Amino acid sequence: MGLAIGVLGLGAWGQTLADLVERQGHQVRSWSRRSGGSPLEVIQGADLVLVAVALQGVKHLAPELGPHWPQQVPLVSCSKGLDLETQSTASQLWLGSQRDLQVVVLSGPNLADELAKGCPAASVLAGRDPVLVQGLQQTLSSPQLRLYASADPLGVELAGALKNVMAIAGGICDGLQLGANAKASLLCRGMAEMALVLERLGGDPASLYGLAGLGDLLATANSPLSRNYRFGLALAEGKGGDEALVQVGATVEGQKTAEAVVAVGERYGLALPICQQVVDLVEGRCGPREAVHALMQRSLRGEQG
């Protein structure tokens, strides 16, 4: 007999998750701001809740639902991003509202449109309780979605957030037709910036080279199905940040994450030139080719510098 699974957030990713677990024989109850109703009704009586709202939505939902969350109900956080104001991930926002929540993070190269078409994919479930993670791994894995377990929820979550910034940069690179050499160099140096931030904020650097980091980056920095990649393409055309958002027509988590990452860099004295150029370009302080020129003219250094 299937479980009663709640799904909060019915954007492309949330709806895809709801469809996947329903096909596994679970009973699904869902909520979104667009559909109305009460999210409290979804979590009450659920055996498990998947939260796939945008990070900005988590900021509002967590204080509303956290104090009323049933203690025995695990929360699987599927949101990607880093909050500008608090420099917190989605799971940290949830735990800030209720420190006893059983929070597990789900992240990986999961382009919703491909999963909706039946294409196979893999992802990572990360949490501090290995028994809970392994149980959810068995519950949520399917012939279409293979799940791996991790004990580093923060590293997995940060990797999933940071790669969105580099996916924007990848879109800019392709939009300017800079070639394979330039893009490979960009993404490689982007990984170095991601590693600086992830390690400084307390994640395990190994998570960066797993499905939630490198795996997700390979998907989202190369596919027109990626909103962050399409946002980068629009920036390369000379559109401003607001115009690019309109062209994409959906939430672009990498835009706000880039701002938050730059703030982290300033706070800890980290050199994050690619993230900085993405922010400068979005905010209209430079053009796309000026951003590339700024990166190429940086002072020479060792590769590990």
Protein backbone atom coordinates (compact mmCIF):
# COMPACT_ATOMS: atom_id res chain seq x y z
CA MET A 1 0.00 0.00 0.00
CA GLY A 2 1.33 3.43 -0.92
CA LEU A 3 2.07 6.32 1.38
CA ALA A 4 0.17 9.57 1.75
CA ILE A 5 2.59 12.07 0.20
CA GLY A 6 2.08 15.82 0.21
CA VAL A 7 3.59 18.05 -2.47
CA LEU A 8 3.93 21.79 -1.84
CA GLY A 9 4.57 23.75 -5.02
CA LEU A 10 3.23 22.79 -8.44
CA GLY A 11 5.63 24.46 -10.81
CA ALA A 12 7.31 22.29 -13.43
CA TRP A 13 9.47 20.45 -10.87
CA GLY A 14 6.77 20.06 -8.23
CA GLN A 15 4.23 18.74 -10.73
CA THR A 16 6.79 16.31 -12.13
CA LEU A 17 7.56 15.00 -8.64
CA ALA A 18 3.87 14.64 -7.88
CA ASP A 19 3.37 12.63 -11.08
CA LEU A 20 6.39 10.42 -10.37
CA VAL A 21 5.31 9.42 -6.87
CA GLU A 22 1.70 8.96 -7.95
CA ARG A 23 2.83 6.50 -10.63
CA GLN A 24 4.58 4.55 -7.87
CA GLY A 25 1.22 3.96 -6.23
CA HIS A 26 1.37 6.64 -3.55
CA GLN A 27 -1.58 8.86 -2.66
CA VAL A 28 -0.72 12.45 -3.50
CA ARG A 29 -2.20 15.62 -2.08
CA SER A 30 -0.80 18.88 -3.41
CA TRP A 31 -0.89 22.63 -2.91
CA SER A 32 0.34 25.71 -4.72
CA ARG A 33 -0.33 29.40 -4.27
CA ARG A 34 -1.92 29.45 -7.70
CA SER A 35 -4.37 26.65 -6.92
CA GLY A 36 -5.32 28.08 -3.53
CA GLY A 37 -6.36 26.17 -0.45
CA SER A 38 -4.35 25.63 2.69
CA PRO A 39 -0.87 24.03 2.77
CA LEU A 40 -1.60 23.02 6.36
CA GLU A 41 -4.27 20.65 5.06
CA VAL A 42 -1.64 18.97 2.86
CA ILE A 43 0.86 18.29 5.64
CA GLN A 44 -1.73 17.09 8.14
CA GLY A 45 -2.19 13.35 7.74
CA ALA A 46 0.76 13.01 5.35
CA ASP A 47 3.45 10.36 5.79
CA LEU A 48 5.94 12.49 3.85
CA VAL A 49 5.99 15.96 2.28
CA LEU A 50 7.97 17.09 -0.78
CA VAL A 51 8.51 20.87 -0.91
CA ALA A 52 9.25 22.20 -4.39
CA VAL A 53 8.38 25.89 -4.03
CA ALA A 54 10.84 28.58 -5.12
CA LEU A 55 13.23 29.80 -2.43
CA GLN A 56 11.33 33.06 -2.04
CA GLY A 57 8.24 30.98 -1.33
CA VAL A 58 10.11 29.00 1.33
CA LYS A 59 10.84 32.27 3.16
CA HIS A 60 7.10 32.79 3.57
CA LEU A 61 6.01 29.17 4.04
CA ALA A 62 8.60 28.12 6.62
CA PRO A 63 7.50 30.49 9.42
CA GLU A 64 3.87 29.76 8.57
CA LEU A 65 4.11 25.96 8.55
CA GLY A 66 7.20 25.14 10.62
CA PRO A 67 5.62 25.61 14.07
CA HIS A 68 2.69 23.37 13.03
CA TRP A 69 4.64 20.67 11.20
CA PRO A 70 3.79 17.15 12.47
CA GLN A 71 6.90 15.91 14.26
CA GLN A 72 6.92 12.47 12.66
CA VAL A 73 6.53 13.71 9.06
CA PRO A 74 9.81 14.05 7.06
CA LEU A 75 10.24 17.12 4.85
CA VAL A 76 12.07 16.59 1.58
CA SER A 77 13.38 19.97 0.43
CA CYS A 78 13.57 20.19 -3.38
CA SER A 79 14.15 23.96 -3.61
CA LYS A 80 17.42 25.36 -4.96
CA GLY A 81 18.90 28.71 -4.10
CA LEU A 82 20.66 30.85 -1.53
CA ASP A 83 18.74 33.62 0.22
CA LEU A 84 20.29 37.06 -0.24
CA GLU A 85 19.24 38.47 3.11
CA THR A 86 20.22 35.54 5.36
CA GLN A 87 22.62 33.66 3.05
CA SER A 88 20.66 30.52 3.97
CA THR A 89 19.64 27.50 1.93
CA ALA A 90 16.04 26.28 1.82
CA SER A 91 16.59 23.57 4.45
CA GLN A 92 18.24 26.10 6.77
CA LEU A 93 15.17 28.33 6.42
CA TRP A 94 12.94 25.39 7.34
CA LEU A 95 15.08 24.43 10.32
CA GLY A 96 15.06 28.04 11.43
CA SER A 97 11.29 27.80 11.80
CA GLN A 98 11.33 24.41 13.59
CA ARG A 99 14.67 23.00 14.66
CA ASP A 100 13.31 19.48 15.21
CA LEU A 101 12.12 19.03 11.63
CA GLN A 102 13.32 15.87 9.87
CA VAL A 103 14.68 17.59 6.76
CA VAL A 104 16.21 15.73 3.81
CA VAL A 105 17.50 17.44 0.65
CA LEU A 106 16.78 16.22 -2.89
CA SER A 107 18.99 17.61 -5.66
CA GLY A 108 20.54 16.57 -8.96
CA PRO A 109 20.37 16.92 -12.76
CA ASN A 110 16.60 16.79 -13.02
CA LEU A 111 15.31 18.85 -15.92
CA ALA A 112 11.58 18.58 -15.32
CA ASP A 113 10.58 18.46 -19.00
CA GLU A 114 12.77 15.41 -19.64
CA LEU A 115 11.41 13.54 -16.60
CA ALA A 116 7.87 14.44 -17.62
CA LYS A 117 8.55 12.77 -20.98
CA GLY A 118 9.69 9.57 -19.27
CA CYS A 119 13.45 10.02 -19.65
CA PRO A 120 15.61 8.43 -16.94
CA ALA A 121 17.57 10.47 -14.38
CA ALA A 122 19.45 10.18 -11.11
CA SER A 123 19.55 12.42 -8.07
CA VAL A 124 20.79 12.62 -4.47
CA LEU A 125 18.93 12.38 -1.17
CA ALA A 126 21.01 13.92 1.61
CA GLY A 127 20.36 14.04 5.33
CA ARG A 128 21.96 13.61 8.74
CA ASP A 129 19.86 10.57 9.70
CA PRO A 130 21.13 7.62 7.60
CA VAL A 131 18.16 5.42 8.50
CA LEU A 132 15.70 8.07 7.35
CA VAL A 133 17.66 8.76 4.15
CA GLN A 134 17.88 5.08 3.25
CA GLY A 135 14.18 4.61 3.92
CA LEU A 136 13.27 7.52 1.67
CA GLN A 137 15.71 6.27 -0.93
CA GLN A 138 13.78 3.01 -1.11
CA THR A 139 10.42 4.79 -1.08
CA LEU A 140 11.09 7.40 -3.75
CA SER A 141 13.40 5.56 -6.16
CA SER A 142 11.75 4.24 -9.30
CA PRO A 143 12.75 2.70 -12.65
CA GLN A 144 12.84 6.26 -14.00
CA LEU A 145 14.52 8.11 -11.10
CA ARG A 146 17.49 6.48 -9.36
CA LEU A 147 18.36 8.02 -6.00
CA TYR A 148 21.74 7.96 -4.27
CA ALA A 149 22.24 8.63 -0.55
CA SER A 150 24.46 11.29 1.00
CA ALA A 151 25.26 12.40 4.55
CA ASP A 152 26.06 15.97 3.46
CA PRO A 153 22.76 17.86 3.09
CA LEU A 154 24.36 21.30 3.23
CA GLY A 155 27.01 20.49 0.61
CA VAL A 156 24.44 18.89 -1.70
CA GLU A 157 22.09 21.84 -1.31
CA LEU A 158 24.82 24.44 -1.85
CA ALA A 159 26.10 22.61 -4.93
CA GLY A 160 22.59 22.62 -6.41
CA ALA A 161 22.23 26.34 -5.73
CA LEU A 162 25.67 27.44 -6.91
CA LYS A 163 25.55 25.60 -10.22
CA ASN A 164 22.59 27.80 -11.26
CA VAL A 165 24.90 30.82 -11.33
CA MET A 166 27.32 28.95 -13.57
CA ALA A 167 24.47 27.80 -15.78
CA ILE A 168 23.68 31.48 -16.42
CA ALA A 169 27.34 32.04 -17.27
CA GLY A 170 27.22 29.04 -19.60
CA GLY A 171 24.22 30.53 -21.40
CA ILE A 172 26.05 33.84 -21.80
CA CYS A 173 29.07 32.03 -23.24
CA ASP A 174 26.96 30.13 -25.78
CA GLY A 175 24.92 33.22 -26.62
CA LEU A 176 28.13 35.06 -27.51
CA GLN A 177 29.32 32.04 -29.54
CA LEU A 178 32.67 31.98 -27.74
CA GLY A 179 33.32 28.33 -28.57
CA ALA A 180 33.98 25.06 -26.74
CA ASN A 181 37.39 26.07 -25.39
CA ALA A 182 36.01 29.16 -23.70
CA LYS A 183 33.01 27.36 -22.25
CA ALA A 184 35.09 24.49 -20.88
CA SER A 185 37.46 27.01 -19.28
CA LEU A 186 34.56 29.02 -17.88
CA LEU A 187 32.83 26.06 -16.28
CA CYS A 188 36.08 24.68 -14.89
CA ARG A 189 36.90 28.00 -13.22
CA GLY A 190 33.27 28.23 -12.17
CA MET A 191 33.66 24.95 -10.31
CA ALA A 192 36.64 26.46 -8.50
CA GLU A 193 34.49 29.37 -7.35
CA MET A 194 31.71 27.01 -6.27
CA ALA A 195 34.23 25.02 -4.23
CA LEU A 196 35.43 28.15 -2.40
CA VAL A 197 31.90 29.07 -1.35
CA LEU A 198 30.73 25.55 -0.54
CA GLU A 199 33.70 24.79 1.69
CA ARG A 200 33.57 28.17 3.43
CA LEU A 201 29.89 27.71 4.29
CA GLY A 202 30.50 24.26 5.76
CA GLY A 203 29.70 21.78 2.99
CA ASP A 204 31.81 18.78 2.01
CA PRO A 205 33.75 19.64 -1.19
CA ALA A 206 33.22 16.06 -2.40
CA SER A 207 29.52 16.85 -2.91
CA LEU A 208 30.50 19.39 -5.55
CA TYR A 209 31.72 16.60 -7.83
CA GLY A 210 28.60 14.48 -7.44
CA LEU A 211 25.18 14.59 -9.08
CA ALA A 212 24.05 17.74 -7.28
CA GLY A 213 27.11 19.72 -8.38
CA LEU A 214 28.96 18.64 -11.50
CA GLY A 215 26.10 16.43 -12.67
CA ASP A 216 23.53 19.20 -12.43
CA LEU A 217 25.94 21.73 -13.92
CA LEU A 218 26.49 19.57 -17.01
CA ALA A 219 22.74 19.44 -17.55
CA THR A 220 21.75 23.02 -16.80
CA ALA A 221 24.72 24.82 -18.38
CA ASN A 222 24.11 23.08 -21.72
CA SER A 223 20.37 22.62 -22.16
CA PRO A 224 17.79 25.09 -23.47
CA LEU A 225 15.37 23.36 -21.10
CA SER A 226 17.24 25.07 -18.25
CA ARG A 227 15.71 28.40 -17.21
CA ASN A 228 19.08 29.65 -15.93
CA TYR A 229 20.77 28.78 -19.23
CA ARG A 230 18.03 30.58 -21.21
CA PHE A 231 18.40 33.57 -18.91
CA GLY A 232 22.10 33.66 -19.80
CA LEU A 233 21.28 33.46 -23.51
CA ALA A 234 18.97 36.47 -23.12
CA LEU A 235 21.67 38.44 -21.30
CA ALA A 236 24.08 37.68 -24.15
CA GLU A 237 21.58 39.25 -26.53
CA GLY A 238 21.97 42.50 -24.61
CA LYS A 239 18.77 42.28 -22.58
CA GLY A 240 18.75 43.61 -19.04
CA GLY A 241 17.92 41.40 -16.07
CA ASP A 242 14.21 42.26 -16.02
CA GLU A 243 13.84 41.83 -19.78
CA ALA A 244 15.63 38.47 -19.62
CA LEU A 245 13.27 37.28 -16.88
CA VAL A 246 10.27 38.20 -19.00
CA GLN A 247 11.73 36.28 -21.94
CA VAL A 248 12.29 33.16 -19.80
CA GLY A 249 8.80 33.45 -18.32
CA ALA A 250 9.61 31.55 -15.13
CA THR A 251 11.56 31.78 -11.89
CA VAL A 252 15.33 31.97 -12.42
CA GLU A 253 16.87 31.01 -9.07
CA GLY A 254 20.41 31.66 -10.27
CA GLN A 255 19.84 35.41 -10.52
CA LYS A 256 19.21 35.98 -6.80
CA THR A 257 21.66 33.23 -5.87
CA ALA A 258 24.41 35.11 -7.73
CA GLU A 259 23.73 38.20 -5.62
CA ALA A 260 23.80 36.12 -2.43
CA VAL A 261 27.05 34.39 -3.45
CA VAL A 262 28.74 37.72 -4.17
CA ALA A 263 27.64 38.88 -0.70
CA VAL A 264 29.20 35.72 0.78
CA GLY A 265 32.40 36.46 -1.12
CA GLU A 266 32.53 40.00 0.23
CA ARG A 267 31.85 38.76 3.74
CA TYR A 268 34.64 36.19 3.73
CA GLY A 269 37.10 37.79 1.32
CA LEU A 270 36.64 35.22 -1.47
CA ALA A 271 37.59 35.98 -5.07
CA LEU A 272 34.51 35.10 -7.17
CA PRO A 273 35.01 36.89 -10.51
CA ILE A 274 32.53 34.86 -12.57
CA CYS A 275 29.74 35.33 -10.02
CA GLN A 276 30.59 39.03 -9.85
CA GLN A 277 30.44 39.46 -13.61
CA VAL A 278 27.06 37.71 -13.75
CA VAL A 279 25.71 40.14 -11.14
CA ASP A 280 27.25 43.15 -12.87
CA LEU A 281 25.74 42.10 -16.18
CA VAL A 282 22.28 41.51 -14.69
CA GLU A 283 22.36 44.88 -12.97
CA GLY A 284 23.49 46.70 -16.11
CA ARG A 285 26.95 47.73 -14.93
CA CYS A 286 28.58 46.15 -17.99
CA GLY A 287 27.72 44.53 -21.29
CA PRO A 288 28.21 40.83 -22.08
CA ARG A 289 31.46 41.28 -24.03
CA GLU A 290 32.78 43.66 -21.39
CA ALA A 291 32.19 40.94 -18.80
CA VAL A 292 34.20 38.45 -20.84
CA HIS A 293 36.98 41.00 -21.33
CA ALA A 294 37.12 41.65 -17.56
CA LEU A 295 37.54 37.94 -16.87
CA MET A 296 40.25 37.52 -19.49
CA GLN A 297 42.21 40.54 -18.22
CA ARG A 298 42.44 39.44 -14.60
CA SER A 299 45.97 39.18 -13.22
CA LEU A 300 47.73 35.89 -13.98
CA ARG A 301 47.99 33.32 -11.19
CA GLY A 302 48.42 29.65 -10.42
CA GLU A 303 45.54 27.35 -11.28
CA GLN A 304 44.83 26.63 -7.62
CA GLY A 305 44.73 30.35 -6.80
